[in-house]
Amino acid sequence: MKDLINKFAVDGGVTLTDVADDNTLETDVKTILSAIIGVLGFVCVVVMIIGGVNYMTSSGDTGKVKKAKDTILYGLIGLIVCVLAFALVQFVIGTILGGD
């Protein structure tokens, strides 16, 4: 199948490079961890949105307002942790596996 695709690509004037040759342990680990941290960041944003909706629908009830503010705060803290974790992962993986 790979040869057939390569033949059609060469006939069309396109040169193909083998994608598997470019994959290294560094890129694989970065991709996996970035995906995990991205999902967690998305969850934090959703938590903050839920907290905002709860805040708007609290009708002035002090208990609900406090709970909503805490939810927004925890979502924000989680988002900050995700951003810092992403930066730390990029630095550590680049230093250990990249040899920079």
PDB file of N, CA and C in Angstrom:
ATOM      1  N   MET A   1       0.830  -1.192   0.000  1.00  0.00           N
ATOM      2  CA  MET A   1       0.000   0.000   0.000  1.00  0.00           C
ATOM      3  C   MET A   1       0.872   1.252   0.000  1.00  0.00           C
ATOM      4  N   LYS A   2       1.947   1.217   0.788  1.00  0.00           N
ATOM      5  CA  LYS A   2       2.840   2.361   0.864  1.00  0.00           C
ATOM      6  C   LYS A   2       3.481   2.622  -0.498  1.00  0.00           C
ATOM      7  N   ASP A   3       3.850   1.562  -1.204  1.00  0.00           N
ATOM      8  CA  ASP A   3       4.457   1.721  -2.521  1.00  0.00           C
ATOM      9  C   ASP A   3       3.463   2.306  -3.522  1.00  0.00           C
ATOM     10  N   LEU A   4       2.220   1.880  -3.437  1.00  0.00           N
ATOM     11  CA  LEU A   4       1.185   2.390  -4.330  1.00  0.00           C
ATOM     12  C   LEU A   4       0.954   3.881  -4.109  1.00  0.00           C
ATOM     13  N   ILE A   5       0.878   4.284  -2.851  1.00  0.00           N
ATOM     14  CA  ILE A   5       0.695   5.707  -2.537  1.00  0.00           C
ATOM     15  C   ILE A   5       1.909   6.506  -2.997  1.00  0.00           C
ATOM     16  N   ASN A   6       3.083   5.961  -2.788  1.00  0.00           N
ATOM     17  CA  ASN A   6       4.314   6.634  -3.198  1.00  0.00           C
ATOM     18  C   ASN A   6       4.347   6.788  -4.719  1.00  0.00           C
ATOM     19  N   LYS A   7       3.937   5.756  -5.458  1.00  0.00           N
ATOM     20  CA  LYS A   7       3.927   5.814  -6.924  1.00  0.00           C
ATOM     21  C   LYS A   7       2.987   6.912  -7.408  1.00  0.00           C
ATOM     22  N   PHE A   8       1.776   6.976  -6.851  1.00  0.00           N
ATOM     23  CA  PHE A   8       0.840   8.025  -7.248  1.00  0.00           C
ATOM     24  C   PHE A   8       1.378   9.411  -6.892  1.00  0.00           C
ATOM     25  N   ALA A   9       2.035   9.521  -5.778  1.00  0.00           N
ATOM     26  CA  ALA A   9       2.576  10.812  -5.359  1.00  0.00           C
ATOM     27  C   ALA A   9       3.704  11.245  -6.281  1.00  0.00           C
ATOM     28  N   VAL A  10       4.592  10.301  -6.639  1.00  0.00           N
ATOM     29  CA  VAL A  10       5.715  10.630  -7.516  1.00  0.00           C
ATOM     30  C   VAL A  10       5.197  10.967  -8.910  1.00  0.00           C
ATOM     31  N   ASP A  11       4.202  10.225  -9.382  1.00  0.00           N
ATOM     32  CA  ASP A  11       3.612  10.517 -10.687  1.00  0.00           C
ATOM     33  C   ASP A  11       2.970  11.896 -10.714  1.00  0.00           C
ATOM     34  N   GLY A  12       2.462  12.321  -9.584  1.00  0.00           N
ATOM     35  CA  GLY A  12       1.843  13.641  -9.480  1.00  0.00           C
ATOM     36  C   GLY A  12       2.837  14.753  -9.208  1.00  0.00           C
ATOM     37  N   GLY A  13       4.108  14.429  -9.057  1.00  0.00           N
ATOM     38  CA  GLY A  13       5.137  15.429  -8.815  1.00  0.00           C
ATOM     39  C   GLY A  13       5.331  15.778  -7.355  1.00  0.00           C
ATOM     40  N   VAL A  14       4.794  14.956  -6.460  1.00  0.00           N
ATOM     41  CA  VAL A  14       4.911  15.211  -5.023  1.00  0.00           C
ATOM     42  C   VAL A  14       5.915  14.222  -4.450  1.00  0.00           C
ATOM     43  N   THR A  15       6.799  14.703  -3.602  1.00  0.00           N
ATOM     44  CA  THR A  15       7.725  13.790  -2.936  1.00  0.00           C
ATOM     45  C   THR A  15       7.231  13.550  -1.526  1.00  0.00           C
ATOM     46  N   LEU A  16       7.297  12.318  -1.102  1.00  0.00           N
ATOM     47  CA  LEU A  16       6.833  11.944   0.224  1.00  0.00           C
ATOM     48  C   LEU A  16       8.022  11.643   1.118  1.00  0.00           C
ATOM     49  N   THR A  17       7.886  12.009   2.368  1.00  0.00           N
ATOM     50  CA  THR A  17       8.879  11.616   3.364  1.00  0.00           C
ATOM     51  C   THR A  17       8.201  10.674   4.337  1.00  0.00           C
ATOM     52  N   ASP A  18       8.953   9.769   4.870  1.00  0.00           N
ATOM     53  CA  ASP A  18       8.393   8.796   5.795  1.00  0.00           C
ATOM     54  C   ASP A  18       8.159   9.480   7.138  1.00  0.00           C
ATOM     55  N   VAL A  19       6.925   9.526   7.551  1.00  0.00           N
ATOM     56  CA  VAL A  19       6.566  10.206   8.797  1.00  0.00           C
ATOM     57  C   VAL A  19       7.169   9.488   9.993  1.00  0.00           C
ATOM     58  N   ALA A  20       7.257   8.172   9.946  1.00  0.00           N
ATOM     59  CA  ALA A  20       7.765   7.400  11.075  1.00  0.00           C
ATOM     60  C   ALA A  20       9.233   7.707  11.350  1.00  0.00           C
ATOM     61  N   ASP A  21       9.985   8.162  10.341  1.00  0.00           N
ATOM     62  CA  ASP A  21      11.393   8.483  10.551  1.00  0.00           C
ATOM     63  C   ASP A  21      11.562   9.723  11.418  1.00  0.00           C
ATOM     64  N   ASP A  22      10.557  10.609  11.418  1.00  0.00           N
ATOM     65  CA  ASP A  22      10.656  11.846  12.167  1.00  0.00           C
ATOM     66  C   ASP A  22      10.255  11.669  13.634  1.00  0.00           C
ATOM     67  N   ASN A  23       9.567  10.578  13.958  1.00  0.00           N
ATOM     68  CA  ASN A  23       9.117  10.368  15.325  1.00  0.00           C
ATOM     69  C   ASN A  23      10.266   9.918  16.199  1.00  0.00           C
ATOM     70  N   THR A  24      10.452  10.648  17.258  1.00  0.00           N
ATOM     71  CA  THR A  24      11.457  10.287  18.248  1.00  0.00           C
ATOM     72  C   THR A  24      10.755  10.154  19.586  1.00  0.00           C
ATOM     73  N   LEU A  25      11.484   9.653  20.544  1.00  0.00           N
ATOM     74  CA  LEU A  25      10.908   9.529  21.882  1.00  0.00           C
ATOM     75  C   LEU A  25      10.493  10.894  22.407  1.00  0.00           C
ATOM     76  N   GLU A  26      11.288  11.901  22.109  1.00  0.00           N
ATOM     77  CA  GLU A  26      10.979  13.251  22.588  1.00  0.00           C
ATOM     78  C   GLU A  26       9.652  13.745  22.027  1.00  0.00           C
ATOM     79  N   THR A  27       9.446  13.604  20.727  1.00  0.00           N
ATOM     80  CA  THR A  27       8.203  14.093  20.136  1.00  0.00           C
ATOM     81  C   THR A  27       7.005  13.271  20.595  1.00  0.00           C
ATOM     82  N   ASP A  28       7.186  11.964  20.771  1.00  0.00           N
ATOM     83  CA  ASP A  28       6.085  11.125  21.240  1.00  0.00           C
ATOM     84  C   ASP A  28       5.660  11.506  22.648  1.00  0.00           C
ATOM     85  N   VAL A  29       6.628  11.681  23.534  1.00  0.00           N
ATOM     86  CA  VAL A  29       6.324  12.034  24.921  1.00  0.00           C
ATOM     87  C   VAL A  29       5.696  13.417  24.989  1.00  0.00           C
ATOM     88  N   LYS A  30       6.231  14.362  24.239  1.00  0.00           N
ATOM     89  CA  LYS A  30       5.663  15.713  24.228  1.00  0.00           C
ATOM     90  C   LYS A  30       4.230  15.700  23.715  1.00  0.00           C
ATOM     91  N   THR A  31       3.980  14.913  22.681  1.00  0.00           N
ATOM     92  CA  THR A  31       2.633  14.856  22.111  1.00  0.00           C
ATOM     93  C   THR A  31       1.642  14.278  23.101  1.00  0.00           C
ATOM     94  N   ILE A  32       2.010  13.186  23.749  1.00  0.00           N
ATOM     95  CA  ILE A  32       1.108  12.536  24.709  1.00  0.00           C
ATOM     96  C   ILE A  32       0.838  13.445  25.902  1.00  0.00           C
ATOM     97  N   LEU A  33       1.894  14.003  26.469  1.00  0.00           N
ATOM     98  CA  LEU A  33       1.718  14.864  27.645  1.00  0.00           C
ATOM     99  C   LEU A  33       0.991  16.155  27.295  1.00  0.00           C
ATOM    100  N   SER A  34       1.242  16.692  26.116  1.00  0.00           N
ATOM    101  CA  SER A  34       0.536  17.905  25.700  1.00  0.00           C
ATOM    102  C   SER A  34      -0.958  17.634  25.535  1.00  0.00           C
ATOM    103  N   ALA A  35      -1.293  16.459  25.018  1.00  0.00           N
ATOM    104  CA  ALA A  35      -2.706  16.109  24.868  1.00  0.00           C
ATOM    105  C   ALA A  35      -3.380  15.969  26.232  1.00  0.00           C
ATOM    106  N   ILE A  36      -2.704  15.312  27.160  1.00  0.00           N
ATOM    107  CA  ILE A  36      -3.267  15.135  28.504  1.00  0.00           C
ATOM    108  C   ILE A  36      -3.448  16.482  29.191  1.00  0.00           C
ATOM    109  N   ILE A  37      -2.436  17.332  29.122  1.00  0.00           N
ATOM    110  CA  ILE A  37      -2.512  18.640  29.765  1.00  0.00           C
ATOM    111  C   ILE A  37      -3.563  19.510  29.071  1.00  0.00           C
ATOM    112  N   GLY A  38      -3.698  19.370  27.760  1.00  0.00           N
ATOM    113  CA  GLY A  38      -4.723  20.115  27.033  1.00  0.00           C
ATOM    114  C   GLY A  38      -6.128  19.730  27.469  1.00  0.00           C
ATOM    115  N   VAL A  39      -6.355  18.441  27.649  1.00  0.00           N
ATOM    116  CA  VAL A  39      -7.670  17.978  28.113  1.00  0.00           C
ATOM    117  C   VAL A  39      -7.942  18.502  29.519  1.00  0.00           C
ATOM    118  N   LEU A  40      -6.933  18.434  30.377  1.00  0.00           N
ATOM    119  CA  LEU A  40      -7.115  18.942  31.741  1.00  0.00           C
ATOM    120  C   LEU A  40      -7.381  20.451  31.740  1.00  0.00           C
ATOM    121  N   GLY A  41      -6.721  21.187  30.866  1.00  0.00           N
ATOM    122  CA  GLY A  41      -6.975  22.619  30.747  1.00  0.00           C
ATOM    123  C   GLY A  41      -8.393  22.897  30.291  1.00  0.00           C
ATOM    124  N   PHE A  42      -8.880  22.085  29.350  1.00  0.00           N
ATOM    125  CA  PHE A  42     -10.257  22.225  28.887  1.00  0.00           C
ATOM    126  C   PHE A  42     -11.235  21.971  30.032  1.00  0.00           C
ATOM    127  N   VAL A  43     -10.940  20.963  30.849  1.00  0.00           N
ATOM    128  CA  VAL A  43     -11.796  20.659  32.001  1.00  0.00           C
ATOM    129  C   VAL A  43     -11.811  21.841  32.975  1.00  0.00           C
ATOM    130  N   CYS A  44     -10.660  22.459  33.180  1.00  0.00           N
ATOM    131  CA  CYS A  44     -10.602  23.622  34.079  1.00  0.00           C
ATOM    132  C   CYS A  44     -11.459  24.768  33.558  1.00  0.00           C
ATOM    133  N   VAL A  45     -11.422  25.005  32.263  1.00  0.00           N
ATOM    134  CA  VAL A  45     -12.241  26.069  31.674  1.00  0.00           C
ATOM    135  C   VAL A  45     -13.727  25.742  31.840  1.00  0.00           C
ATOM    136  N   VAL A  46     -14.103  24.487  31.632  1.00  0.00           N
ATOM    137  CA  VAL A  46     -15.498  24.078  31.807  1.00  0.00           C
ATOM    138  C   VAL A  46     -15.932  24.279  33.263  1.00  0.00           C
ATOM    139  N   VAL A  47     -15.054  23.952  34.211  1.00  0.00           N
ATOM    140  CA  VAL A  47     -15.373  24.149  35.629  1.00  0.00           C
ATOM    141  C   VAL A  47     -15.596  25.633  35.918  1.00  0.00           C
ATOM    142  N   MET A  48     -14.765  26.496  35.318  1.00  0.00           N
ATOM    143  CA  MET A  48     -14.947  27.932  35.529  1.00  0.00           C
ATOM    144  C   MET A  48     -16.257  28.416  34.914  1.00  0.00           C
ATOM    145  N   ILE A  49     -16.632  27.881  33.768  1.00  0.00           N
ATOM    146  CA  ILE A  49     -17.904  28.263  33.149  1.00  0.00           C
ATOM    147  C   ILE A  49     -19.077  27.812  34.021  1.00  0.00           C
ATOM    148  N   ILE A  50     -18.991  26.602  34.537  1.00  0.00           N
ATOM    149  CA  ILE A  50     -20.047  26.112  35.438  1.00  0.00           C
ATOM    150  C   ILE A  50     -20.137  26.997  36.675  1.00  0.00           C
ATOM    151  N   GLY A  51     -18.995  27.384  37.219  1.00  0.00           N
ATOM    152  CA  GLY A  51     -18.995  28.290  38.365  1.00  0.00           C
ATOM    153  C   GLY A  51     -19.622  29.630  38.029  1.00  0.00           C
ATOM    154  N   GLY A  52     -19.363  30.144  36.819  1.00  0.00           N
ATOM    155  CA  GLY A  52     -19.963  31.404  36.390  1.00  0.00           C
ATOM    156  C   GLY A  52     -21.473  31.303  36.245  1.00  0.00           C
ATOM    157  N   VAL A  53     -21.929  30.193  35.681  1.00  0.00           N
ATOM    158  CA  VAL A  53     -23.374  29.986  35.551  1.00  0.00           C
ATOM    159  C   VAL A  53     -24.017  29.872  36.934  1.00  0.00           C
ATOM    160  N   ASN A  54     -23.373  29.145  37.823  1.00  0.00           N
ATOM    161  CA  ASN A  54     -23.897  29.030  39.191  1.00  0.00           C
ATOM    162  C   ASN A  54     -23.928  30.386  39.891  1.00  0.00           C
ATOM    163  N   TYR A  55     -22.921  31.207  39.626  1.00  0.00           N
ATOM    164  CA  TYR A  55     -22.877  32.547  40.223  1.00  0.00           C
ATOM    165  C   TYR A  55     -24.029  33.402  39.718  1.00  0.00           C
ATOM    166  N   MET A  56     -24.291  33.312  38.410  1.00  0.00           N
ATOM    167  CA  MET A  56     -25.371  34.128  37.836  1.00  0.00           C
ATOM    168  C   MET A  56     -26.748  33.658  38.286  1.00  0.00           C
ATOM    169  N   THR A  57     -26.875  32.380  38.581  1.00  0.00           N
ATOM    170  CA  THR A  57     -28.186  31.857  38.972  1.00  0.00           C
ATOM    171  C   THR A  57     -28.345  31.707  40.478  1.00  0.00           C
ATOM    172  N   SER A  58     -27.430  32.293  41.242  1.00  0.00           N
ATOM    173  CA  SER A  58     -27.483  32.124  42.697  1.00  0.00           C
ATOM    174  C   SER A  58     -28.570  32.957  43.356  1.00  0.00           C
ATOM    175  N   SER A  59     -29.082  33.935  42.680  1.00  0.00           N
ATOM    176  CA  SER A  59     -30.152  34.801  43.193  1.00  0.00           C
ATOM    177  C   SER A  59     -29.795  35.487  44.514  1.00  0.00           C
ATOM    178  N   GLY A  60     -28.521  35.774  44.703  1.00  0.00           N
ATOM    179  CA  GLY A  60     -28.104  36.486  45.892  1.00  0.00           C
ATOM    180  C   GLY A  60     -27.948  35.636  47.140  1.00  0.00           C
ATOM    181  N   ASP A  61     -28.188  34.340  47.052  1.00  0.00           N
ATOM    182  CA  ASP A  61     -28.016  33.445  48.202  1.00  0.00           C
ATOM    183  C   ASP A  61     -26.520  33.364  48.512  1.00  0.00           C
ATOM    184  N   THR A  62     -26.152  33.771  49.739  1.00  0.00           N
ATOM    185  CA  THR A  62     -24.729  33.868  50.083  1.00  0.00           C
ATOM    186  C   THR A  62     -24.020  32.521  50.006  1.00  0.00           C
ATOM    187  N   GLY A  63     -24.683  31.444  50.358  1.00  0.00           N
ATOM    188  CA  GLY A  63     -24.059  30.119  50.299  1.00  0.00           C
ATOM    189  C   GLY A  63     -23.761  29.713  48.870  1.00  0.00           C
ATOM    190  N   LYS A  64     -24.728  29.980  47.971  1.00  0.00           N
ATOM    191  CA  LYS A  64     -24.529  29.641  46.563  1.00  0.00           C
ATOM    192  C   LYS A  64     -23.471  30.526  45.913  1.00  0.00           C
ATOM    193  N   VAL A  65     -23.453  31.808  46.316  1.00  0.00           N
ATOM    194  CA  VAL A  65     -22.460  32.732  45.773  1.00  0.00           C
ATOM    195  C   VAL A  65     -21.062  32.298  46.179  1.00  0.00           C
ATOM    196  N   LYS A  66     -20.891  31.934  47.433  1.00  0.00           N
ATOM    197  CA  LYS A  66     -19.574  31.490  47.907  1.00  0.00           C
ATOM    198  C   LYS A  66     -19.147  30.217  47.193  1.00  0.00           C
ATOM    199  N   LYS A  67     -20.073  29.276  47.030  1.00  0.00           N
ATOM    200  CA  LYS A  67     -19.755  28.028  46.350  1.00  0.00           C
ATOM    201  C   LYS A  67     -19.362  28.285  44.890  1.00  0.00           C
ATOM    202  N   ALA A  68     -20.073  29.204  44.231  1.00  0.00           N
ATOM    203  CA  ALA A  68     -19.777  29.533  42.837  1.00  0.00           C
ATOM    204  C   ALA A  68     -18.420  30.218  42.710  1.00  0.00           C
ATOM    205  N   LYS A  69     -18.131  31.147  43.619  1.00  0.00           N
ATOM    206  CA  LYS A  69     -16.830  31.821  43.594  1.00  0.00           C
ATOM    207  C   LYS A  69     -15.699  30.829  43.846  1.00  0.00           C
ATOM    208  N   ASP A  70     -15.909  29.909  44.768  1.00  0.00           N
ATOM    209  CA  ASP A  70     -14.898  28.880  45.028  1.00  0.00           C
ATOM    210  C   ASP A  70     -14.682  27.992  43.797  1.00  0.00           C
ATOM    211  N   THR A  71     -15.766  27.658  43.098  1.00  0.00           N
ATOM    212  CA  THR A  71     -15.648  26.842  41.891  1.00  0.00           C
ATOM    213  C   THR A  71     -14.838  27.570  40.825  1.00  0.00           C
ATOM    214  N   ILE A  72     -15.116  28.854  40.643  1.00  0.00           N
ATOM    215  CA  ILE A  72     -14.352  29.643  39.678  1.00  0.00           C
ATOM    216  C   ILE A  72     -12.886  29.713  40.093  1.00  0.00           C
ATOM    217  N   LEU A  73     -12.633  29.924  41.373  1.00  0.00           N
ATOM    218  CA  LEU A  73     -11.262  30.006  41.873  1.00  0.00           C
ATOM    219  C   LEU A  73     -10.521  28.690  41.665  1.00  0.00           C
ATOM    220  N   TYR A  74     -11.160  27.570  41.965  1.00  0.00           N
ATOM    221  CA  TYR A  74     -10.515  26.275  41.788  1.00  0.00           C
ATOM    222  C   TYR A  74     -10.253  25.978  40.319  1.00  0.00           C
ATOM    223  N   GLY A  75     -11.163  26.393  39.461  1.00  0.00           N
ATOM    224  CA  GLY A  75     -10.939  26.225  38.026  1.00  0.00           C
ATOM    225  C   GLY A  75      -9.760  27.056  37.550  1.00  0.00           C
ATOM    226  N   LEU A  76      -9.650  28.281  38.051  1.00  0.00           N
ATOM    227  CA  LEU A  76      -8.537  29.151  37.687  1.00  0.00           C
ATOM    228  C   LEU A  76      -7.211  28.590  38.200  1.00  0.00           C
ATOM    229  N   ILE A  77      -7.202  28.111  39.426  1.00  0.00           N
ATOM    230  CA  ILE A  77      -5.983  27.497  39.978  1.00  0.00           C
ATOM    231  C   ILE A  77      -5.596  26.278  39.149  1.00  0.00           C
ATOM    232  N   GLY A  78      -6.576  25.466  38.773  1.00  0.00           N
ATOM    233  CA  GLY A  78      -6.296  24.299  37.941  1.00  0.00           C
ATOM    234  C   GLY A  78      -5.731  24.687  36.592  1.00  0.00           C
ATOM    235  N   LEU A  79      -6.258  25.754  35.998  1.00  0.00           N
ATOM    236  CA  LEU A  79      -5.753  26.219  34.708  1.00  0.00           C
ATOM    237  C   LEU A  79      -4.317  26.716  34.822  1.00  0.00           C
ATOM    238  N   ILE A  80      -4.014  27.425  35.882  1.00  0.00           N
ATOM    239  CA  ILE A  80      -2.639  27.890  36.107  1.00  0.00           C
ATOM    240  C   ILE A  80      -1.702  26.704  36.290  1.00  0.00           C
ATOM    241  N   VAL A  81      -2.144  25.696  37.039  1.00  0.00           N
ATOM    242  CA  VAL A  81      -1.318  24.495  37.242  1.00  0.00           C
ATOM    243  C   VAL A  81      -1.083  23.795  35.901  1.00  0.00           C
ATOM    244  N   CYS A  82      -2.104  23.737  35.050  1.00  0.00           N
ATOM    245  CA  CYS A  82      -1.947  23.105  33.735  1.00  0.00           C
ATOM    246  C   CYS A  82      -0.932  23.848  32.869  1.00  0.00           C
ATOM    247  N   VAL A  83      -1.002  25.173  32.877  1.00  0.00           N
ATOM    248  CA  VAL A  83      -0.054  25.966  32.085  1.00  0.00           C
ATOM    249  C   VAL A  83       1.366  25.774  32.609  1.00  0.00           C
ATOM    250  N   LEU A  84       1.531  25.799  33.920  1.00  0.00           N
ATOM    251  CA  LEU A  84       2.859  25.592  34.493  1.00  0.00           C
ATOM    252  C   LEU A  84       3.361  24.173  34.239  1.00  0.00           C
ATOM    253  N   ALA A  85       2.470  23.193  34.310  1.00  0.00           N
ATOM    254  CA  ALA A  85       2.859  21.810  34.030  1.00  0.00           C
ATOM    255  C   ALA A  85       3.292  21.663  32.579  1.00  0.00           C
ATOM    256  N   PHE A  86       2.581  22.312  31.663  1.00  0.00           N
ATOM    257  CA  PHE A  86       2.959  22.256  30.250  1.00  0.00           C
ATOM    258  C   PHE A  86       4.348  22.843  30.041  1.00  0.00           C
ATOM    259  N   ALA A  87       4.603  24.003  30.645  1.00  0.00           N
ATOM    260  CA  ALA A  87       5.918  24.637  30.508  1.00  0.00           C
ATOM    261  C   ALA A  87       7.008  23.764  31.119  1.00  0.00           C
ATOM    262  N   LEU A  88       6.727  23.176  32.274  1.00  0.00           N
ATOM    263  CA  LEU A  88       7.706  22.316  32.932  1.00  0.00           C
ATOM    264  C   LEU A  88       7.996  21.069  32.104  1.00  0.00           C
ATOM    265  N   VAL A  89       6.962  20.471  31.554  1.00  0.00           N
ATOM    266  CA  VAL A  89       7.148  19.276  30.724  1.00  0.00           C
ATOM    267  C   VAL A  89       7.980  19.612  29.496  1.00  0.00           C
ATOM    268  N   GLN A  90       7.678  20.717  28.840  1.00  0.00           N
ATOM    269  CA  GLN A  90       8.446  21.106  27.659  1.00  0.00           C
ATOM    270  C   GLN A  90       9.913  21.332  28.014  1.00  0.00           C
ATOM    271  N   PHE A  91      10.159  21.968  29.135  1.00  0.00           N
ATOM    272  CA  PHE A  91      11.539  22.233  29.546  1.00  0.00           C
ATOM    273  C   PHE A  91      12.271  20.949  29.904  1.00  0.00           C
ATOM    274  N   VAL A  92      11.656  20.110  30.721  1.00  0.00           N
ATOM    275  CA  VAL A  92      12.324  18.891  31.191  1.00  0.00           C
ATOM    276  C   VAL A  92      12.553  17.916  30.040  1.00  0.00           C
ATOM    277  N   ILE A  93      11.551  17.695  29.220  1.00  0.00           N
ATOM    278  CA  ILE A  93      11.699  16.767  28.100  1.00  0.00           C
ATOM    279  C   ILE A  93      12.740  17.297  27.124  1.00  0.00           C
ATOM    280  N   GLY A  94      12.711  18.588  26.860  1.00  0.00           N
ATOM    281  CA  GLY A  94      13.715  19.178  25.961  1.00  0.00           C
ATOM    282  C   GLY A  94      15.117  19.069  26.525  1.00  0.00           C
ATOM    283  N   THR A  95      15.259  19.186  27.831  1.00  0.00           N
ATOM    284  CA  THR A  95      16.578  19.117  28.458  1.00  0.00           C
ATOM    285  C   THR A  95      17.078  17.678  28.539  1.00  0.00           C
ATOM    286  N   ILE A  96      16.215  16.765  28.966  1.00  0.00           N
ATOM    287  CA  ILE A  96      16.641  15.385  29.147  1.00  0.00           C
ATOM    288  C   ILE A  96      16.805  14.661  27.817  1.00  0.00           C
ATOM    289  N   LEU A  97      15.782  14.723  26.971  1.00  0.00           N
ATOM    290  CA  LEU A  97      15.808  13.943  25.741  1.00  0.00           C
ATOM    291  C   LEU A  97      16.347  14.721  24.559  1.00  0.00           C
ATOM    292  N   GLY A  98      16.240  16.037  24.603  1.00  0.00           N
ATOM    293  CA  GLY A  98      16.675  16.845  23.461  1.00  0.00           C
ATOM    294  C   GLY A  98      18.173  17.105  23.461  1.00  0.00           C
ATOM    295  N   GLY A  99      18.778  17.101  24.625  1.00  0.00           N
ATOM    296  CA  GLY A  99      20.212  17.357  24.717  1.00  0.00           C
ATOM    297  C   GLY A  99      20.587  18.795  24.422  1.00  0.00           C
ATOM    298  N   ASP A 100      19.630  19.714  24.528  1.00  0.00           N
ATOM    299  CA  ASP A 100      19.916  21.133  24.241  1.00  0.00           C
ATOM    300  C   ASP A 100      20.728  21.753  25.339  1.00  0.00           C
TER     301      ASP A 100
END
